[in-house]
């Protein structure tokens, strides 16, 4: 597990949530969509890290 990769994914998720919230407040669908996309990207990154962890456990 890379702590750095998990931290980056968490930061991307937070960034996406903020951008989505700003889009909701301003009524900007582009910001909303970009925020949701960043959250989805973060979810994929976390899932990839989970897979890496499981593979490492299986090897050890």
PDB file of N, CA and C in Angstrom:
ATOM      1  N   UNK A   1       0.847  -1.176   0.000  1.00  0.00           N
ATOM      2  CA  UNK A   1       0.000   0.000   0.000  1.00  0.00           C
ATOM      3  C   UNK A   1       0.886   1.232   0.000  1.00  0.00           C
ATOM      4  N   UNK A   2       0.542   2.121  -0.853  1.00  0.00           N
ATOM      5  CA  UNK A   2       1.266   3.377  -0.880  1.00  0.00           C
ATOM      6  C   UNK A   2       0.444   4.441  -0.156  1.00  0.00           C
ATOM      7  N   UNK A   3       0.951   4.862   0.950  1.00  0.00           N
ATOM      8  CA  UNK A   3       0.264   5.903   1.717  1.00  0.00           C
ATOM      9  C   UNK A   3       0.154   7.174   0.896  1.00  0.00           C
ATOM     10  N   UNK A   4       1.190   7.445   0.132  1.00  0.00           N
ATOM     11  CA  UNK A   4       1.180   8.646  -0.709  1.00  0.00           C
ATOM     12  C   UNK A   4       0.055   8.574  -1.748  1.00  0.00           C
ATOM     13  N   UNK A   5      -0.121   7.405  -2.379  1.00  0.00           N
ATOM     14  CA  UNK A   5      -1.186   7.249  -3.374  1.00  0.00           C
ATOM     15  C   UNK A   5      -2.560   7.374  -2.733  1.00  0.00           C
ATOM     16  N   UNK A   6      -2.717   6.811  -1.546  1.00  0.00           N
ATOM     17  CA  UNK A   6      -4.002   6.934  -0.844  1.00  0.00           C
ATOM     18  C   UNK A   6      -4.284   8.385  -0.472  1.00  0.00           C
ATOM     19  N   UNK A   7      -3.255   9.099  -0.051  1.00  0.00           N
ATOM     20  CA  UNK A   7      -3.421  10.515   0.304  1.00  0.00           C
ATOM     21  C   UNK A   7      -3.816  11.330  -0.918  1.00  0.00           C
ATOM     22  N   UNK A   8      -3.197  11.035  -2.048  1.00  0.00           N
ATOM     23  CA  UNK A   8      -3.548  11.740  -3.286  1.00  0.00           C
ATOM     24  C   UNK A   8      -4.995  11.455  -3.685  1.00  0.00           C
ATOM     25  N   UNK A   9      -5.421  10.204  -3.547  1.00  0.00           N
ATOM     26  CA  UNK A   9      -6.799   9.848  -3.881  1.00  0.00           C
ATOM     27  C   UNK A   9      -7.779  10.548  -2.949  1.00  0.00           C
ATOM     28  N   UNK A  10      -7.444  10.615  -1.674  1.00  0.00           N
ATOM     29  CA  UNK A  10      -8.305  11.299  -0.711  1.00  0.00           C
ATOM     30  C   UNK A  10      -8.382  12.787  -1.027  1.00  0.00           C
ATOM     31  N   UNK A  11      -7.258  13.378  -1.372  1.00  0.00           N
ATOM     32  CA  UNK A  11      -7.242  14.800  -1.734  1.00  0.00           C
ATOM     33  C   UNK A  11      -8.087  15.049  -2.980  1.00  0.00           C
ATOM     34  N   UNK A  12      -7.999  14.146  -3.941  1.00  0.00           N
ATOM     35  CA  UNK A  12      -8.790  14.275  -5.172  1.00  0.00           C
ATOM     36  C   UNK A  12     -10.272  14.172  -4.856  1.00  0.00           C
ATOM     37  N   UNK A  13     -10.629  13.289  -3.935  1.00  0.00           N
ATOM     38  CA  UNK A  13     -12.025  13.130  -3.531  1.00  0.00           C
ATOM     39  C   UNK A  13     -12.542  14.412  -2.870  1.00  0.00           C
ATOM     40  N   UNK A  14     -11.757  14.968  -1.981  1.00  0.00           N
ATOM     41  CA  UNK A  14     -12.154  16.205  -1.299  1.00  0.00           C
ATOM     42  C   UNK A  14     -12.284  17.340  -2.309  1.00  0.00           C
ATOM     43  N   UNK A  15     -11.320  17.427  -3.205  1.00  0.00           N
ATOM     44  CA  UNK A  15     -11.363  18.458  -4.250  1.00  0.00           C
ATOM     45  C   UNK A  15     -12.644  18.325  -5.078  1.00  0.00           C
ATOM     46  N   UNK A  16     -12.992  17.082  -5.409  1.00  0.00           N
ATOM     47  CA  UNK A  16     -14.210  16.844  -6.180  1.00  0.00           C
ATOM     48  C   UNK A  16     -15.463  17.213  -5.414  1.00  0.00           C
ATOM     49  N   UNK A  17     -15.500  16.907  -4.135  1.00  0.00           N
ATOM     50  CA  UNK A  17     -16.666  17.251  -3.317  1.00  0.00           C
ATOM     51  C   UNK A  17     -16.840  18.764  -3.224  1.00  0.00           C
ATOM     52  N   UNK A  18     -15.721  19.471  -3.048  1.00  0.00           N
ATOM     53  CA  UNK A  18     -15.787  20.932  -2.971  1.00  0.00           C
ATOM     54  C   UNK A  18     -16.268  21.507  -4.303  1.00  0.00           C
ATOM     55  N   UNK A  19     -15.703  21.013  -5.392  1.00  0.00           N
ATOM     56  CA  UNK A  19     -16.090  21.530  -6.697  1.00  0.00           C
ATOM     57  C   UNK A  19     -17.557  21.223  -6.984  1.00  0.00           C
ATOM     58  N   UNK A  20     -18.021  20.050  -6.628  1.00  0.00           N
ATOM     59  CA  UNK A  20     -19.423  19.687  -6.804  1.00  0.00           C
ATOM     60  C   UNK A  20     -20.318  20.607  -5.975  1.00  0.00           C
ATOM     61  N   UNK A  21     -19.926  20.874  -4.730  1.00  0.00           N
ATOM     62  CA  UNK A  21     -20.710  21.750  -3.862  1.00  0.00           C
ATOM     63  C   UNK A  21     -20.757  23.178  -4.415  1.00  0.00           C
ATOM     64  N   UNK A  22     -19.621  23.668  -4.907  1.00  0.00           N
ATOM     65  CA  UNK A  22     -19.596  25.009  -5.495  1.00  0.00           C
ATOM     66  C   UNK A  22     -20.512  25.050  -6.719  1.00  0.00           C
ATOM     67  N   UNK A  23     -20.463  24.003  -7.511  1.00  0.00           N
ATOM     68  CA  UNK A  23     -21.346  23.922  -8.676  1.00  0.00           C
ATOM     69  C   UNK A  23     -22.811  23.929  -8.278  1.00  0.00           C
ATOM     70  N   UNK A  24     -23.128  23.247  -7.184  1.00  0.00           N
ATOM     71  CA  UNK A  24     -24.503  23.249  -6.694  1.00  0.00           C
ATOM     72  C   UNK A  24     -24.922  24.635  -6.227  1.00  0.00           C
ATOM     73  N   UNK A  25     -24.031  25.318  -5.533  1.00  0.00           N
ATOM     74  CA  UNK A  25     -24.337  26.657  -5.023  1.00  0.00           C
ATOM     75  C   UNK A  25     -24.503  27.670  -6.148  1.00  0.00           C
ATOM     76  N   UNK A  26     -23.643  27.585  -7.141  1.00  0.00           N
ATOM     77  CA  UNK A  26     -23.668  28.561  -8.237  1.00  0.00           C
ATOM     78  C   UNK A  26     -24.585  28.138  -9.377  1.00  0.00           C
ATOM     79  N   UNK A  27     -25.022  26.889  -9.346  1.00  0.00           N
ATOM     80  CA  UNK A  27     -25.864  26.384 -10.431  1.00  0.00           C
ATOM     81  C   UNK A  27     -25.077  26.083 -11.692  1.00  0.00           C
ATOM     82  N   UNK A  28     -23.789  25.848 -11.546  1.00  0.00           N
ATOM     83  CA  UNK A  28     -22.916  25.575 -12.690  1.00  0.00           C
ATOM     84  C   UNK A  28     -22.816  24.069 -12.914  1.00  0.00           C
ATOM     85  N   UNK A  29     -23.497  23.564 -13.950  1.00  0.00           N
ATOM     86  CA  UNK A  29     -23.464  22.114 -14.187  1.00  0.00           C
ATOM     87  C   UNK A  29     -22.082  21.595 -14.565  1.00  0.00           C
ATOM     88  N   UNK A  30     -21.248  22.452 -15.156  1.00  0.00           N
ATOM     89  CA  UNK A  30     -19.891  22.017 -15.520  1.00  0.00           C
ATOM     90  C   UNK A  30     -19.081  21.710 -14.261  1.00  0.00           C
ATOM     91  N   UNK A  31     -19.149  22.599 -13.264  1.00  0.00           N
ATOM     92  CA  UNK A  31     -18.440  22.347 -12.007  1.00  0.00           C
ATOM     93  C   UNK A  31     -18.987  21.108 -11.309  1.00  0.00           C
ATOM     94  N   UNK A  32     -20.282  20.933 -11.346  1.00  0.00           N
ATOM     95  CA  UNK A  32     -20.891  19.752 -10.727  1.00  0.00           C
ATOM     96  C   UNK A  32     -20.362  18.486 -11.387  1.00  0.00           C
ATOM     97  N   UNK A  33     -20.356  18.471 -12.706  1.00  0.00           N
ATOM     98  CA  UNK A  33     -19.903  17.284 -13.440  1.00  0.00           C
ATOM     99  C   UNK A  33     -18.429  17.007 -13.195  1.00  0.00           C
ATOM    100  N   UNK A  34     -17.617  18.066 -13.222  1.00  0.00           N
ATOM    101  CA  UNK A  34     -16.180  17.880 -12.980  1.00  0.00           C
ATOM    102  C   UNK A  34     -15.934  17.392 -11.554  1.00  0.00           C
ATOM    103  N   UNK A  35     -16.696  17.910 -10.602  1.00  0.00           N
ATOM    104  CA  UNK A  35     -16.559  17.467  -9.218  1.00  0.00           C
ATOM    105  C   UNK A  35     -16.910  15.995  -9.057  1.00  0.00           C
ATOM    106  N   UNK A  36     -17.994  15.594  -9.692  1.00  0.00           N
ATOM    107  CA  UNK A  36     -18.398  14.184  -9.619  1.00  0.00           C
ATOM    108  C   UNK A  36     -17.369  13.288 -10.304  1.00  0.00           C
ATOM    109  N   UNK A  37     -16.793  13.763 -11.397  1.00  0.00           N
ATOM    110  CA  UNK A  37     -15.771  12.976 -12.101  1.00  0.00           C
ATOM    111  C   UNK A  37     -14.529  12.792 -11.225  1.00  0.00           C
ATOM    112  N   UNK A  38     -14.140  13.839 -10.509  1.00  0.00           N
ATOM    113  CA  UNK A  38     -12.982  13.733  -9.621  1.00  0.00           C
ATOM    114  C   UNK A  38     -13.263  12.756  -8.484  1.00  0.00           C
ATOM    115  N   UNK A  39     -14.479  12.764  -7.979  1.00  0.00           N
ATOM    116  CA  UNK A  39     -14.837  11.826  -6.921  1.00  0.00           C
ATOM    117  C   UNK A  39     -14.789  10.388  -7.446  1.00  0.00           C
ATOM    118  N   UNK A  40     -15.263  10.190  -8.666  1.00  0.00           N
ATOM    119  CA  UNK A  40     -15.221   8.853  -9.261  1.00  0.00           C
ATOM    120  C   UNK A  40     -13.782   8.393  -9.477  1.00  0.00           C
ATOM    121  N   UNK A  41     -12.934   9.316  -9.928  1.00  0.00           N
ATOM    122  CA  UNK A  41     -11.516   8.983 -10.118  1.00  0.00           C
ATOM    123  C   UNK A  41     -10.872   8.575  -8.796  1.00  0.00           C
ATOM    124  N   UNK A  42     -11.203   9.295  -7.745  1.00  0.00           N
ATOM    125  CA  UNK A  42     -10.656   8.968  -6.424  1.00  0.00           C
ATOM    126  C   UNK A  42     -11.121   7.591  -5.967  1.00  0.00           C
ATOM    127  N   UNK A  43     -12.369   7.271  -6.247  1.00  0.00           N
ATOM    128  CA  UNK A  43     -12.904   5.958  -5.867  1.00  0.00           C
ATOM    129  C   UNK A  43     -12.140   4.840  -6.585  1.00  0.00           C
ATOM    130  N   UNK A  44     -11.847   5.051  -7.855  1.00  0.00           N
ATOM    131  CA  UNK A  44     -11.089   4.061  -8.634  1.00  0.00           C
ATOM    132  C   UNK A  44      -9.676   3.917  -8.074  1.00  0.00           C
ATOM    133  N   UNK A  45      -9.057   5.057  -7.731  1.00  0.00           N
ATOM    134  CA  UNK A  45      -7.700   5.002  -7.161  1.00  0.00           C
ATOM    135  C   UNK A  45      -7.683   4.228  -5.843  1.00  0.00           C
ATOM    136  N   UNK A  46      -8.687   4.461  -5.005  1.00  0.00           N
ATOM    137  CA  UNK A  46      -8.763   3.729  -3.735  1.00  0.00           C
ATOM    138  C   UNK A  46      -8.954   2.230  -3.993  1.00  0.00           C
ATOM    139  N   UNK A  47      -9.790   1.899  -4.957  1.00  0.00           N
ATOM    140  CA  UNK A  47     -10.014   0.487  -5.285  1.00  0.00           C
ATOM    141  C   UNK A  47      -8.718  -0.166  -5.778  1.00  0.00           C
ATOM    142  N   UNK A  48      -7.959   0.557  -6.578  1.00  0.00           N
ATOM    143  CA  UNK A  48      -6.682   0.022  -7.068  1.00  0.00           C
ATOM    144  C   UNK A  48      -5.727  -0.228  -5.909  1.00  0.00           C
ATOM    145  N   UNK A  49      -5.698   0.680  -4.952  1.00  0.00           N
ATOM    146  CA  UNK A  49      -4.841   0.499  -3.781  1.00  0.00           C
ATOM    147  C   UNK A  49      -5.304  -0.708  -2.956  1.00  0.00           C
ATOM    148  N   UNK A  50      -6.619  -0.907  -2.867  1.00  0.00           N
ATOM    149  CA  UNK A  50      -7.142  -2.074  -2.148  1.00  0.00           C
ATOM    150  C   UNK A  50      -6.688  -3.369  -2.817  1.00  0.00           C
ATOM    151  N   UNK A  51      -6.713  -3.384  -4.146  1.00  0.00           N
ATOM    152  CA  UNK A  51      -6.267  -4.575  -4.883  1.00  0.00           C
ATOM    153  C   UNK A  51      -4.780  -4.817  -4.628  1.00  0.00           C
ATOM    154  N   UNK A  52      -3.993  -3.749  -4.666  1.00  0.00           N
ATOM    155  CA  UNK A  52      -2.556  -3.896  -4.392  1.00  0.00           C
ATOM    156  C   UNK A  52      -2.329  -4.476  -2.998  1.00  0.00           C
ATOM    157  N   UNK A  53      -3.098  -4.018  -2.029  1.00  0.00           N
ATOM    158  CA  UNK A  53      -2.971  -4.516  -0.668  1.00  0.00           C
ATOM    159  C   UNK A  53      -3.286  -6.001  -0.598  1.00  0.00           C
ATOM    160  N   UNK A  54      -4.352  -6.410  -1.264  1.00  0.00           N
ATOM    161  CA  UNK A  54      -4.740  -7.821  -1.241  1.00  0.00           C
ATOM    162  C   UNK A  54      -3.698  -8.697  -1.915  1.00  0.00           C
ATOM    163  N   UNK A  55      -3.139  -8.239  -3.012  1.00  0.00           N
ATOM    164  CA  UNK A  55      -2.092  -8.998  -3.704  1.00  0.00           C
ATOM    165  C   UNK A  55      -0.867  -9.131  -2.801  1.00  0.00           C
ATOM    166  N   UNK A  56      -0.512  -8.038  -2.141  1.00  0.00           N
ATOM    167  CA  UNK A  56       0.648  -8.089  -1.253  1.00  0.00           C
ATOM    168  C   UNK A  56       0.401  -9.069  -0.102  1.00  0.00           C
ATOM    169  N   UNK A  57      -0.806  -9.050   0.465  1.00  0.00           N
ATOM    170  CA  UNK A  57      -1.131  -9.984   1.538  1.00  0.00           C
ATOM    171  C   UNK A  57      -1.048 -11.427   1.059  1.00  0.00           C
ATOM    172  N   UNK A  58      -1.512 -11.675  -0.155  1.00  0.00           N
ATOM    173  CA  UNK A  58      -1.486 -13.035  -0.700  1.00  0.00           C
ATOM    174  C   UNK A  58      -0.051 -13.512  -0.916  1.00  0.00           C
ATOM    175  N   UNK A  59       0.815 -12.608  -1.310  1.00  0.00           N
ATOM    176  CA  UNK A  59       2.216 -12.950  -1.557  1.00  0.00           C
ATOM    177  C   UNK A  59       2.947 -13.207  -0.243  1.00  0.00           C
ATOM    178  N   UNK A  60       2.642 -12.379   0.757  1.00  0.00           N
ATOM    179  CA  UNK A  60       3.309 -12.515   2.060  1.00  0.00           C
ATOM    180  C   UNK A  60       2.725 -13.698   2.759  1.00  0.00           C
TER     181      UNK A  60
END
